[in-house]
């Protein structure tokens, strides 16, 4: 049975910074659109409850998508977000968006968000092995320690891993040496095989 992943989240600190909601949601929508292009499927980015959001990806792409969410928000200095990933089959992915979608992936994602422990920001639930849950916990910890510049670099490579270092540096308007320093500091060399393992595991 084919499994999908639903990423569900809500913005952190939106009550104190209401002016930050719109730009953060715009970034989230762009990440969802990019994820749809990776996979050739509609991600159906959907907002709910003011500062809540959801989108859909194939199960194997969930970790890459979550890391890209974190990278783009941190790289832009935007509001951060909680991320609950639910993995499982879908009954329906909805009509125009996910508001009328249903299935085990949706149930797992929603419950994971609602039952996050205090201080927890990411969660993985549903049809996921223990190693994948551990990898998501590690991703939460590591991404929270990226500098803004490191996050910006990760945002480029997570979205377009085929880019050469020279092309990626030019994208950010920095030297190749500066680019490599940022990417090294962000740990991309370690995340690259980890992402491949996650993708092949589903």
N, C-alpha and C. Protein backbone atom coordinates (compact mmCIF):
# COMPACT_ATOMS: atom_id res chain seq x y z
N UNK A 1 0.84 -1.20 0.00
CA UNK A 1 0.00 0.00 0.00
C UNK A 1 0.88 1.25 0.00
N UNK A 2 0.56 2.19 -0.88
CA UNK A 2 1.33 3.42 -0.95
C UNK A 2 0.99 4.33 0.22
N UNK A 3 2.03 4.84 0.85
CA UNK A 3 1.83 5.76 1.97
C UNK A 3 2.18 7.18 1.55
N UNK A 4 1.47 8.11 2.12
CA UNK A 4 1.72 9.53 1.92
C UNK A 4 2.09 10.16 3.25
N UNK A 5 2.60 11.36 3.18
CA UNK A 5 2.91 12.12 4.39
C UNK A 5 2.14 13.43 4.38
N UNK A 6 1.54 13.74 5.50
CA UNK A 6 0.91 15.03 5.71
C UNK A 6 1.74 15.80 6.71
N UNK A 7 2.20 16.96 6.32
CA UNK A 7 2.89 17.87 7.24
C UNK A 7 1.86 18.88 7.74
N UNK A 8 1.68 18.91 9.03
CA UNK A 8 0.75 19.85 9.67
C UNK A 8 1.54 20.67 10.67
N UNK A 9 1.26 21.96 10.73
CA UNK A 9 1.98 22.79 11.68
C UNK A 9 1.23 24.04 12.07
N UNK A 10 1.79 24.73 13.04
CA UNK A 10 1.30 26.07 13.38
C UNK A 10 2.49 26.94 13.75
N UNK A 11 2.35 28.21 13.44
CA UNK A 11 3.45 29.15 13.64
C UNK A 11 3.69 29.40 15.12
N UNK A 12 4.94 29.56 15.47
CA UNK A 12 5.34 29.82 16.85
C UNK A 12 5.48 31.32 17.06
N UNK A 13 4.82 31.83 18.08
CA UNK A 13 4.94 33.25 18.39
C UNK A 13 4.10 34.17 17.54
N UNK A 14 3.08 33.62 16.88
CA UNK A 14 2.27 34.45 15.99
C UNK A 14 1.41 35.45 16.75
N UNK A 15 1.05 35.15 17.98
CA UNK A 15 0.26 36.10 18.77
C UNK A 15 1.06 37.35 19.08
N UNK A 16 2.33 37.17 19.40
CA UNK A 16 3.19 38.31 19.71
C UNK A 16 3.64 39.05 18.46
N UNK A 17 3.67 38.35 17.34
CA UNK A 17 4.12 38.97 16.08
C UNK A 17 3.11 38.70 14.98
N UNK A 18 1.91 39.27 15.07
CA UNK A 18 0.90 38.99 14.06
C UNK A 18 1.30 39.45 12.66
N UNK A 19 2.17 40.46 12.59
CA UNK A 19 2.62 40.94 11.28
C UNK A 19 3.52 39.93 10.59
N UNK A 20 4.00 38.93 11.34
CA UNK A 20 4.87 37.91 10.75
C UNK A 20 4.13 36.73 10.15
N UNK A 21 2.82 36.66 10.35
CA UNK A 21 2.07 35.51 9.87
C UNK A 21 2.03 35.45 8.35
N UNK A 22 1.69 36.54 7.70
CA UNK A 22 1.55 36.53 6.24
C UNK A 22 2.85 36.16 5.53
N UNK A 23 4.00 36.78 5.87
CA UNK A 23 5.23 36.37 5.19
C UNK A 23 5.64 34.93 5.46
N UNK A 24 5.40 34.46 6.68
CA UNK A 24 5.73 33.06 6.99
C UNK A 24 4.85 32.11 6.18
N UNK A 25 3.56 32.43 6.08
CA UNK A 25 2.66 31.58 5.30
C UNK A 25 3.03 31.59 3.82
N UNK A 26 3.48 32.74 3.32
CA UNK A 26 3.90 32.81 1.92
C UNK A 26 5.11 31.90 1.68
N UNK A 27 6.05 31.89 2.61
CA UNK A 27 7.21 31.00 2.50
C UNK A 27 6.79 29.54 2.56
N UNK A 28 5.88 29.22 3.47
CA UNK A 28 5.39 27.84 3.57
C UNK A 28 4.70 27.40 2.28
N UNK A 29 3.92 28.28 1.71
CA UNK A 29 3.26 27.96 0.45
C UNK A 29 4.25 27.71 -0.67
N UNK A 30 5.34 28.49 -0.69
CA UNK A 30 6.35 28.29 -1.72
C UNK A 30 7.10 26.98 -1.53
N UNK A 31 7.35 26.61 -0.27
CA UNK A 31 7.99 25.31 0.00
C UNK A 31 7.09 24.17 -0.47
N UNK A 32 5.81 24.26 -0.16
CA UNK A 32 4.87 23.22 -0.60
C UNK A 32 4.84 23.11 -2.12
N UNK A 33 4.88 24.25 -2.80
CA UNK A 33 4.88 24.23 -4.26
C UNK A 33 6.15 23.58 -4.80
N UNK A 34 7.29 23.89 -4.18
CA UNK A 34 8.54 23.26 -4.60
C UNK A 34 8.50 21.76 -4.37
N UNK A 35 7.97 21.34 -3.24
CA UNK A 35 7.85 19.91 -2.96
C UNK A 35 6.97 19.22 -3.99
N UNK A 36 5.94 19.90 -4.43
CA UNK A 36 5.10 19.34 -5.48
C UNK A 36 5.85 19.16 -6.78
N UNK A 37 6.76 20.08 -7.07
CA UNK A 37 7.55 19.96 -8.30
C UNK A 37 8.55 18.81 -8.21
N UNK A 38 9.12 18.54 -7.01
CA UNK A 38 10.05 17.40 -6.88
C UNK A 38 9.38 16.11 -7.27
N UNK A 39 8.14 15.98 -6.86
CA UNK A 39 7.45 14.69 -6.93
C UNK A 39 6.46 14.57 -8.07
N UNK A 40 6.14 15.70 -8.70
CA UNK A 40 5.14 15.67 -9.75
C UNK A 40 3.73 15.46 -9.24
N UNK A 41 3.51 15.77 -7.95
CA UNK A 41 2.18 15.63 -7.36
C UNK A 41 1.75 16.95 -6.74
N UNK A 42 0.46 17.14 -6.59
CA UNK A 42 -0.05 18.37 -5.99
C UNK A 42 0.11 18.31 -4.48
N UNK A 43 0.79 19.30 -3.91
CA UNK A 43 0.98 19.31 -2.45
C UNK A 43 -0.22 19.90 -1.71
N UNK A 44 -1.04 20.67 -2.40
CA UNK A 44 -2.30 21.19 -1.86
C UNK A 44 -2.13 21.94 -0.52
N UNK A 45 -1.24 22.91 -0.52
CA UNK A 45 -1.02 23.72 0.68
C UNK A 45 -2.33 24.33 1.15
N UNK A 46 -2.62 24.17 2.43
CA UNK A 46 -3.90 24.60 3.00
C UNK A 46 -3.66 25.29 4.33
N UNK A 47 -4.26 26.45 4.51
CA UNK A 47 -4.20 27.15 5.80
C UNK A 47 -5.44 26.81 6.62
N UNK A 48 -5.25 26.82 7.95
CA UNK A 48 -6.40 26.63 8.83
C UNK A 48 -6.12 27.28 10.17
N UNK A 49 -7.16 27.62 10.89
CA UNK A 49 -7.09 28.20 12.24
C UNK A 49 -6.13 29.40 12.32
N UNK A 50 -6.08 30.21 11.31
CA UNK A 50 -5.29 31.43 11.36
C UNK A 50 -3.81 31.23 11.13
N UNK A 51 -3.14 30.51 12.04
CA UNK A 51 -1.70 30.32 11.89
C UNK A 51 -1.33 28.86 11.65
N UNK A 52 -2.32 28.04 11.26
CA UNK A 52 -2.08 26.63 10.98
C UNK A 52 -1.95 26.38 9.49
N UNK A 53 -1.30 25.29 9.15
CA UNK A 53 -1.07 24.96 7.75
C UNK A 53 -0.89 23.46 7.58
N UNK A 54 -1.08 22.99 6.35
CA UNK A 54 -0.87 21.59 5.99
C UNK A 54 -0.44 21.49 4.55
N UNK A 55 0.36 20.47 4.24
CA UNK A 55 0.53 20.09 2.84
C UNK A 55 0.91 18.62 2.75
N UNK A 56 0.85 18.10 1.54
CA UNK A 56 0.96 16.68 1.26
C UNK A 56 2.20 16.40 0.42
N UNK A 57 2.94 15.34 0.78
CA UNK A 57 4.06 14.87 -0.03
C UNK A 57 4.09 13.34 0.04
N UNK A 58 4.76 12.68 -0.90
CA UNK A 58 5.00 11.24 -0.73
C UNK A 58 5.78 11.00 0.56
N UNK A 59 5.54 9.86 1.19
CA UNK A 59 6.13 9.61 2.51
C UNK A 59 7.64 9.77 2.53
N UNK A 60 8.32 9.30 1.50
CA UNK A 60 9.77 9.37 1.47
C UNK A 60 10.34 10.76 1.39
N UNK A 61 9.52 11.73 1.00
CA UNK A 61 9.98 13.12 0.87
C UNK A 61 9.67 13.96 2.11
N UNK A 62 9.10 13.36 3.14
CA UNK A 62 8.64 14.14 4.29
C UNK A 62 9.78 14.82 5.04
N UNK A 63 10.89 14.12 5.24
CA UNK A 63 12.00 14.73 5.99
C UNK A 63 12.62 15.86 5.21
N UNK A 64 12.83 15.68 3.92
CA UNK A 64 13.38 16.76 3.09
C UNK A 64 12.46 17.97 3.14
N UNK A 65 11.16 17.74 3.03
CA UNK A 65 10.21 18.85 3.06
C UNK A 65 10.23 19.58 4.40
N UNK A 66 10.30 18.83 5.50
CA UNK A 66 10.34 19.45 6.82
C UNK A 66 11.61 20.26 7.02
N UNK A 67 12.74 19.72 6.59
CA UNK A 67 14.00 20.47 6.69
C UNK A 67 13.95 21.73 5.83
N UNK A 68 13.33 21.64 4.67
CA UNK A 68 13.23 22.82 3.81
C UNK A 68 12.33 23.87 4.45
N UNK A 69 11.26 23.46 5.08
CA UNK A 69 10.41 24.40 5.82
C UNK A 69 11.25 25.15 6.85
N UNK A 70 11.99 24.40 7.66
CA UNK A 70 12.80 25.02 8.71
C UNK A 70 13.86 25.93 8.12
N UNK A 71 14.51 25.49 7.04
CA UNK A 71 15.58 26.28 6.43
C UNK A 71 15.05 27.59 5.85
N UNK A 72 13.94 27.52 5.14
CA UNK A 72 13.42 28.73 4.51
C UNK A 72 12.94 29.75 5.55
N UNK A 73 12.29 29.29 6.58
CA UNK A 73 11.80 30.22 7.61
C UNK A 73 12.97 30.85 8.36
N UNK A 74 13.93 30.03 8.79
CA UNK A 74 15.07 30.57 9.53
C UNK A 74 15.93 31.45 8.64
N UNK A 75 16.13 31.04 7.40
CA UNK A 75 16.94 31.82 6.48
C UNK A 75 16.37 33.19 6.19
N UNK A 76 15.05 33.31 6.27
CA UNK A 76 14.39 34.59 6.03
C UNK A 76 14.15 35.38 7.30
N UNK A 77 14.51 34.82 8.45
CA UNK A 77 14.22 35.49 9.72
C UNK A 77 12.74 35.54 10.02
N UNK A 78 12.00 34.57 9.50
CA UNK A 78 10.54 34.54 9.68
C UNK A 78 10.17 33.79 10.95
N UNK A 79 8.89 33.81 11.28
CA UNK A 79 8.40 33.02 12.41
C UNK A 79 8.72 31.55 12.19
N UNK A 80 9.08 30.87 13.25
CA UNK A 80 9.29 29.42 13.18
C UNK A 80 7.95 28.71 13.25
N UNK A 81 7.98 27.40 13.07
CA UNK A 81 6.74 26.63 13.10
C UNK A 81 6.95 25.28 13.76
N UNK A 82 5.91 24.77 14.38
CA UNK A 82 5.89 23.36 14.76
C UNK A 82 5.58 22.55 13.50
N UNK A 83 6.07 21.31 13.47
CA UNK A 83 5.85 20.44 12.31
C UNK A 83 5.50 19.04 12.80
N UNK A 84 4.32 18.58 12.46
CA UNK A 84 3.90 17.22 12.77
C UNK A 84 3.72 16.45 11.47
N UNK A 85 4.48 15.39 11.31
CA UNK A 85 4.43 14.58 10.09
C UNK A 85 3.63 13.31 10.38
N UNK A 86 2.58 13.10 9.62
CA UNK A 86 1.80 11.87 9.73
C UNK A 86 1.99 11.03 8.48
N UNK A 87 2.32 9.77 8.65
CA UNK A 87 2.56 8.88 7.51
C UNK A 87 1.55 7.74 7.52
N UNK A 88 0.97 7.48 6.35
CA UNK A 88 0.00 6.40 6.23
C UNK A 88 -0.75 6.52 4.92
N UNK A 89 -1.71 5.64 4.69
CA UNK A 89 -2.52 5.72 3.47
C UNK A 89 -3.54 6.85 3.54
N UNK A 90 -4.01 7.27 2.38
CA UNK A 90 -5.05 8.28 2.28
C UNK A 90 -6.33 7.65 1.74
N UNK A 91 -7.45 8.10 2.26
CA UNK A 91 -8.73 7.75 1.65
C UNK A 91 -9.00 8.70 0.49
N UNK A 92 -8.74 9.97 0.72
CA UNK A 92 -8.88 10.99 -0.31
C UNK A 92 -7.97 12.16 0.04
N UNK A 93 -7.38 12.77 -1.00
CA UNK A 93 -6.55 13.95 -0.75
C UNK A 93 -7.34 15.25 -0.94
N UNK A 94 -8.64 15.14 -0.86
CA UNK A 94 -9.48 16.33 -0.92
C UNK A 94 -9.79 16.75 -2.34
N UNK A 95 -10.52 17.83 -2.44
CA UNK A 95 -10.89 18.35 -3.76
C UNK A 95 -9.93 19.48 -4.14
N UNK A 96 -10.29 20.71 -3.82
CA UNK A 96 -9.42 21.83 -4.17
C UNK A 96 -8.24 21.96 -3.22
N UNK A 97 -8.44 21.59 -1.95
CA UNK A 97 -7.36 21.64 -0.97
C UNK A 97 -7.53 20.47 -0.01
N UNK A 98 -6.85 20.53 1.13
CA UNK A 98 -6.89 19.41 2.07
C UNK A 98 -7.99 19.51 3.12
N UNK A 99 -8.82 20.52 3.02
CA UNK A 99 -9.83 20.73 4.07
C UNK A 99 -10.85 19.60 4.14
N UNK A 100 -11.05 18.89 3.04
CA UNK A 100 -11.99 17.76 3.06
C UNK A 100 -11.28 16.44 2.77
N UNK A 101 -9.98 16.39 3.03
CA UNK A 101 -9.21 15.16 2.84
C UNK A 101 -9.38 14.24 4.05
N UNK A 102 -9.03 12.97 3.87
CA UNK A 102 -9.19 12.01 4.96
C UNK A 102 -8.22 10.86 4.77
N UNK A 103 -7.91 10.20 5.88
CA UNK A 103 -7.03 9.04 5.84
C UNK A 103 -6.14 8.97 7.07
N UNK A 104 -5.44 7.86 7.21
CA UNK A 104 -4.62 7.64 8.39
C UNK A 104 -3.51 8.67 8.52
N UNK A 105 -2.95 9.12 7.42
CA UNK A 105 -1.88 10.12 7.49
C UNK A 105 -2.38 11.42 8.11
N UNK A 106 -3.60 11.83 7.76
CA UNK A 106 -4.17 13.06 8.33
C UNK A 106 -4.43 12.89 9.82
N UNK A 107 -4.99 11.76 10.19
CA UNK A 107 -5.28 11.52 11.60
C UNK A 107 -4.00 11.52 12.43
N UNK A 108 -2.98 10.84 11.93
CA UNK A 108 -1.71 10.76 12.67
C UNK A 108 -1.06 12.13 12.80
N UNK A 109 -1.09 12.91 11.73
CA UNK A 109 -0.47 14.23 11.76
C UNK A 109 -1.17 15.16 12.73
N UNK A 110 -2.49 15.19 12.67
CA UNK A 110 -3.25 16.06 13.56
C UNK A 110 -3.08 15.70 15.02
N UNK A 111 -3.11 14.42 15.32
CA UNK A 111 -2.93 13.99 16.71
C UNK A 111 -1.52 14.29 17.21
N UNK A 112 -0.53 14.11 16.34
CA UNK A 112 0.85 14.39 16.73
C UNK A 112 1.03 15.86 17.07
N UNK A 113 0.39 16.74 16.29
CA UNK A 113 0.49 18.17 16.58
C UNK A 113 -0.20 18.50 17.90
N UNK A 114 -1.37 17.93 18.11
CA UNK A 114 -2.15 18.24 19.31
C UNK A 114 -1.51 17.70 20.59
N UNK A 115 -0.70 16.65 20.46
CA UNK A 115 -0.15 16.01 21.65
C UNK A 115 1.37 16.18 21.79
N UNK A 116 1.93 17.17 21.12
CA UNK A 116 3.36 17.42 21.28
C UNK A 116 3.67 17.79 22.73
N UNK A 117 4.78 17.27 23.21
CA UNK A 117 5.23 17.61 24.56
C UNK A 117 5.68 19.07 24.61
N UNK A 118 5.65 19.64 25.78
CA UNK A 118 6.11 21.01 25.96
C UNK A 118 7.56 21.13 25.52
N UNK A 119 7.84 22.10 24.68
CA UNK A 119 9.19 22.29 24.18
C UNK A 119 9.50 21.52 22.91
N UNK A 120 8.65 20.56 22.55
CA UNK A 120 8.85 19.80 21.32
C UNK A 120 8.35 20.61 20.14
N UNK A 121 9.05 20.53 19.01
CA UNK A 121 8.69 21.32 17.84
C UNK A 121 8.37 20.44 16.63
N UNK A 122 9.02 19.29 16.53
CA UNK A 122 8.76 18.36 15.43
C UNK A 122 8.25 17.04 15.99
N UNK A 123 7.46 16.32 15.19
CA UNK A 123 7.02 14.98 15.56
C UNK A 123 6.75 14.17 14.30
N UNK A 124 6.95 12.87 14.40
CA UNK A 124 6.63 11.93 13.33
C UNK A 124 5.74 10.85 13.91
N UNK A 125 4.62 10.58 13.25
CA UNK A 125 3.66 9.60 13.76
C UNK A 125 3.07 8.80 12.61
N UNK A 126 2.39 7.72 12.96
CA UNK A 126 1.75 6.89 11.95
C UNK A 126 2.62 5.70 11.59
N UNK A 127 2.60 5.33 10.31
CA UNK A 127 3.30 4.14 9.83
C UNK A 127 4.77 4.46 9.58
N UNK A 128 5.50 4.69 10.67
CA UNK A 128 6.90 5.07 10.57
C UNK A 128 7.73 4.21 11.51
N UNK A 129 8.86 3.67 11.05
CA UNK A 129 9.72 2.87 11.92
C UNK A 129 10.44 3.74 12.94
N UNK A 130 10.98 3.10 13.97
CA UNK A 130 11.62 3.83 15.06
C UNK A 130 12.82 4.65 14.58
N UNK A 131 13.57 4.12 13.59
CA UNK A 131 14.73 4.88 13.12
C UNK A 131 14.31 6.19 12.46
N UNK A 132 13.16 6.19 11.79
CA UNK A 132 12.69 7.41 11.15
C UNK A 132 12.25 8.44 12.18
N UNK A 133 11.60 7.98 13.25
CA UNK A 133 11.21 8.87 14.34
C UNK A 133 12.45 9.51 14.96
N UNK A 134 13.49 8.70 15.15
CA UNK A 134 14.73 9.22 15.72
C UNK A 134 15.39 10.23 14.79
N UNK A 135 15.35 9.97 13.49
CA UNK A 135 15.97 10.88 12.53
C UNK A 135 15.24 12.22 12.50
N UNK A 136 13.93 12.20 12.62
CA UNK A 136 13.17 13.45 12.67
C UNK A 136 13.49 14.23 13.94
N UNK A 137 13.65 13.54 15.06
CA UNK A 137 14.04 14.22 16.30
C UNK A 137 15.42 14.86 16.16
N UNK A 138 16.33 14.18 15.49
CA UNK A 138 17.66 14.74 15.25
C UNK A 138 17.57 15.95 14.34
N UNK A 139 16.71 15.88 13.33
CA UNK A 139 16.54 17.00 12.41
C UNK A 139 16.01 18.23 13.14
N UNK A 140 15.08 18.02 14.06
CA UNK A 140 14.57 19.15 14.85
C UNK A 140 15.71 19.82 15.62
N UNK A 141 16.49 19.02 16.31
CA UNK A 141 17.59 19.55 17.13
C UNK A 141 18.61 20.27 16.27
N UNK A 142 19.02 19.65 15.16
CA UNK A 142 20.09 20.22 14.35
C UNK A 142 19.64 21.50 13.63
N UNK A 143 18.46 21.48 13.05
CA UNK A 143 18.00 22.66 12.30
C UNK A 143 17.81 23.87 13.20
N UNK A 144 17.52 23.65 14.47
CA UNK A 144 17.34 24.77 15.40
C UNK A 144 18.66 25.48 15.70
N UNK A 145 19.76 24.87 15.32
CA UNK A 145 21.08 25.43 15.60
C UNK A 145 21.74 26.05 14.37
N UNK A 146 21.08 26.01 13.23
CA UNK A 146 21.62 26.68 12.05
C UNK A 146 21.63 28.19 12.25
N UNK A 147 22.69 28.83 11.76
CA UNK A 147 22.65 30.28 11.66
C UNK A 147 21.73 30.64 10.49
N UNK A 148 21.41 31.91 10.41
CA UNK A 148 20.55 32.34 9.30
C UNK A 148 21.23 32.05 7.95
N UNK A 149 22.54 32.28 7.87
CA UNK A 149 23.27 32.06 6.63
C UNK A 149 23.34 30.57 6.30
N UNK A 150 23.56 29.74 7.30
CA UNK A 150 23.57 28.29 7.07
C UNK A 150 22.20 27.80 6.61
N UNK A 151 21.15 28.31 7.22
CA UNK A 151 19.80 27.92 6.83
C UNK A 151 19.51 28.32 5.39
N UNK A 152 19.97 29.49 5.00
CA UNK A 152 19.77 29.95 3.63
C UNK A 152 20.45 29.01 2.65
N UNK A 153 21.66 28.58 2.98
CA UNK A 153 22.38 27.64 2.12
C UNK A 153 21.67 26.29 2.05
N UNK A 154 21.20 25.80 3.18
CA UNK A 154 20.46 24.54 3.19
C UNK A 154 19.19 24.65 2.37
N UNK A 155 18.54 25.80 2.42
CA UNK A 155 17.33 26.00 1.64
C UNK A 155 17.56 25.86 0.15
N UNK A 156 18.73 26.29 -0.30
CA UNK A 156 19.07 26.15 -1.72
C UNK A 156 19.30 24.69 -2.07
N UNK A 157 20.13 24.00 -1.28
CA UNK A 157 20.52 22.63 -1.64
C UNK A 157 19.42 21.60 -1.40
N UNK A 158 18.59 21.83 -0.41
CA UNK A 158 17.47 20.90 -0.20
C UNK A 158 16.49 20.95 -1.36
N UNK A 159 16.30 22.15 -1.91
CA UNK A 159 15.36 22.31 -3.01
C UNK A 159 15.96 21.88 -4.35
N UNK A 160 17.26 22.14 -4.52
CA UNK A 160 17.92 21.86 -5.80
C UNK A 160 19.26 21.17 -5.56
N UNK A 161 19.26 19.92 -5.12
CA UNK A 161 20.52 19.25 -4.79
C UNK A 161 21.44 19.02 -5.97
N UNK A 162 20.92 19.18 -7.18
CA UNK A 162 21.76 18.99 -8.36
C UNK A 162 22.62 20.20 -8.69
N UNK A 163 22.40 21.33 -8.03
CA UNK A 163 23.18 22.54 -8.30
C UNK A 163 24.65 22.32 -7.98
N UNK A 164 25.53 22.88 -8.81
CA UNK A 164 26.95 22.88 -8.48
C UNK A 164 27.21 23.92 -7.39
N UNK A 165 28.34 23.77 -6.71
CA UNK A 165 28.69 24.75 -5.67
C UNK A 165 28.82 26.14 -6.27
N UNK A 166 29.37 26.22 -7.47
CA UNK A 166 29.56 27.53 -8.10
C UNK A 166 28.21 28.18 -8.41
N UNK A 167 27.28 27.40 -8.94
CA UNK A 167 25.96 27.94 -9.26
C UNK A 167 25.20 28.33 -8.00
N UNK A 168 25.32 27.52 -6.95
CA UNK A 168 24.63 27.83 -5.70
C UNK A 168 25.19 29.09 -5.06
N UNK A 169 26.52 29.25 -5.10
CA UNK A 169 27.13 30.46 -4.56
C UNK A 169 26.66 31.69 -5.32
N UNK A 170 26.59 31.56 -6.64
CA UNK A 170 26.12 32.69 -7.45
C UNK A 170 24.67 33.02 -7.13
N UNK A 171 23.86 32.01 -6.82
CA UNK A 171 22.46 32.23 -6.47
C UNK A 171 22.35 33.15 -5.25
N UNK A 172 23.28 33.00 -4.30
CA UNK A 172 23.24 33.81 -3.08
C UNK A 172 24.14 35.03 -3.16
N UNK A 173 24.87 35.17 -4.26
CA UNK A 173 25.74 36.33 -4.42
C UNK A 173 26.95 36.31 -3.50
N UNK A 174 27.49 35.11 -3.24
CA UNK A 174 28.66 34.98 -2.37
C UNK A 174 29.73 34.17 -3.10
N UNK A 175 30.94 34.15 -2.54
CA UNK A 175 32.01 33.38 -3.15
C UNK A 175 31.79 31.89 -2.93
N UNK A 176 32.46 31.10 -3.75
CA UNK A 176 32.35 29.65 -3.59
C UNK A 176 32.88 29.22 -2.22
N UNK A 177 33.95 29.86 -1.77
CA UNK A 177 34.51 29.52 -0.46
C UNK A 177 33.51 29.81 0.66
N UNK A 178 32.85 30.96 0.57
CA UNK A 178 31.85 31.31 1.59
C UNK A 178 30.68 30.34 1.55
N UNK A 179 30.28 29.96 0.34
CA UNK A 179 29.20 28.99 0.19
C UNK A 179 29.55 27.66 0.84
N UNK A 180 30.74 27.17 0.55
CA UNK A 180 31.15 25.88 1.10
C UNK A 180 31.25 25.92 2.62
N UNK A 181 31.68 27.05 3.15
CA UNK A 181 31.76 27.19 4.61
C UNK A 181 30.37 27.13 5.24
N UNK A 182 29.41 27.79 4.61
CA UNK A 182 28.04 27.78 5.14
C UNK A 182 27.44 26.38 5.07
N UNK A 183 27.62 25.73 3.94
CA UNK A 183 27.03 24.41 3.76
C UNK A 183 27.67 23.38 4.69
N UNK A 184 28.98 23.50 4.86
CA UNK A 184 29.67 22.60 5.78
C UNK A 184 29.19 22.82 7.22
N UNK A 185 29.06 24.07 7.61
CA UNK A 185 28.59 24.37 8.96
C UNK A 185 27.17 23.90 9.21
N UNK A 186 26.37 23.86 8.15
CA UNK A 186 24.97 23.40 8.28
C UNK A 186 24.85 21.88 8.30
N UNK A 187 25.94 21.18 7.97
CA UNK A 187 25.92 19.72 8.02
C UNK A 187 25.29 19.05 6.82
N UNK A 188 25.29 19.72 5.66
CA UNK A 188 24.62 19.12 4.51
C UNK A 188 25.25 17.80 4.10
N UNK A 189 26.56 17.68 4.23
CA UNK A 189 27.23 16.44 3.83
C UNK A 189 26.70 15.24 4.61
N UNK A 190 26.31 15.47 5.86
CA UNK A 190 25.72 14.39 6.66
C UNK A 190 24.25 14.17 6.33
N UNK A 191 23.54 15.25 6.05
CA UNK A 191 22.11 15.11 5.77
C UNK A 191 21.83 14.50 4.41
N UNK A 192 22.74 14.66 3.48
CA UNK A 192 22.50 14.12 2.13
C UNK A 192 22.27 12.60 2.17
N UNK A 193 23.16 11.79 2.76
CA UNK A 193 22.87 10.35 2.83
C UNK A 193 21.70 10.01 3.76
N UNK A 194 21.50 10.82 4.79
CA UNK A 194 20.37 10.58 5.69
C UNK A 194 19.05 10.75 4.96
N UNK A 195 18.98 11.76 4.11
CA UNK A 195 17.76 11.98 3.33
C UNK A 195 17.53 10.84 2.33
N UNK A 196 18.60 10.36 1.73
CA UNK A 196 18.46 9.25 0.79
C UNK A 196 17.97 8.00 1.51
N UNK A 197 18.46 7.78 2.72
CA UNK A 197 18.01 6.63 3.50
C UNK A 197 16.53 6.76 3.86
N UNK A 198 16.11 7.96 4.24
CA UNK A 198 14.70 8.19 4.59
C UNK A 198 13.82 7.94 3.37
N UNK A 199 14.25 8.46 2.22
CA UNK A 199 13.47 8.30 1.00
C UNK A 199 13.33 6.83 0.62
N UNK A 200 14.42 6.08 0.71
CA UNK A 200 14.37 4.67 0.32
C UNK A 200 13.63 3.82 1.35
N UNK A 201 13.51 4.33 2.59
CA UNK A 201 12.84 3.58 3.64
C UNK A 201 11.33 3.56 3.54
N UNK A 202 10.78 4.38 2.63
CA UNK A 202 9.33 4.42 2.47
C UNK A 202 8.92 4.08 1.03
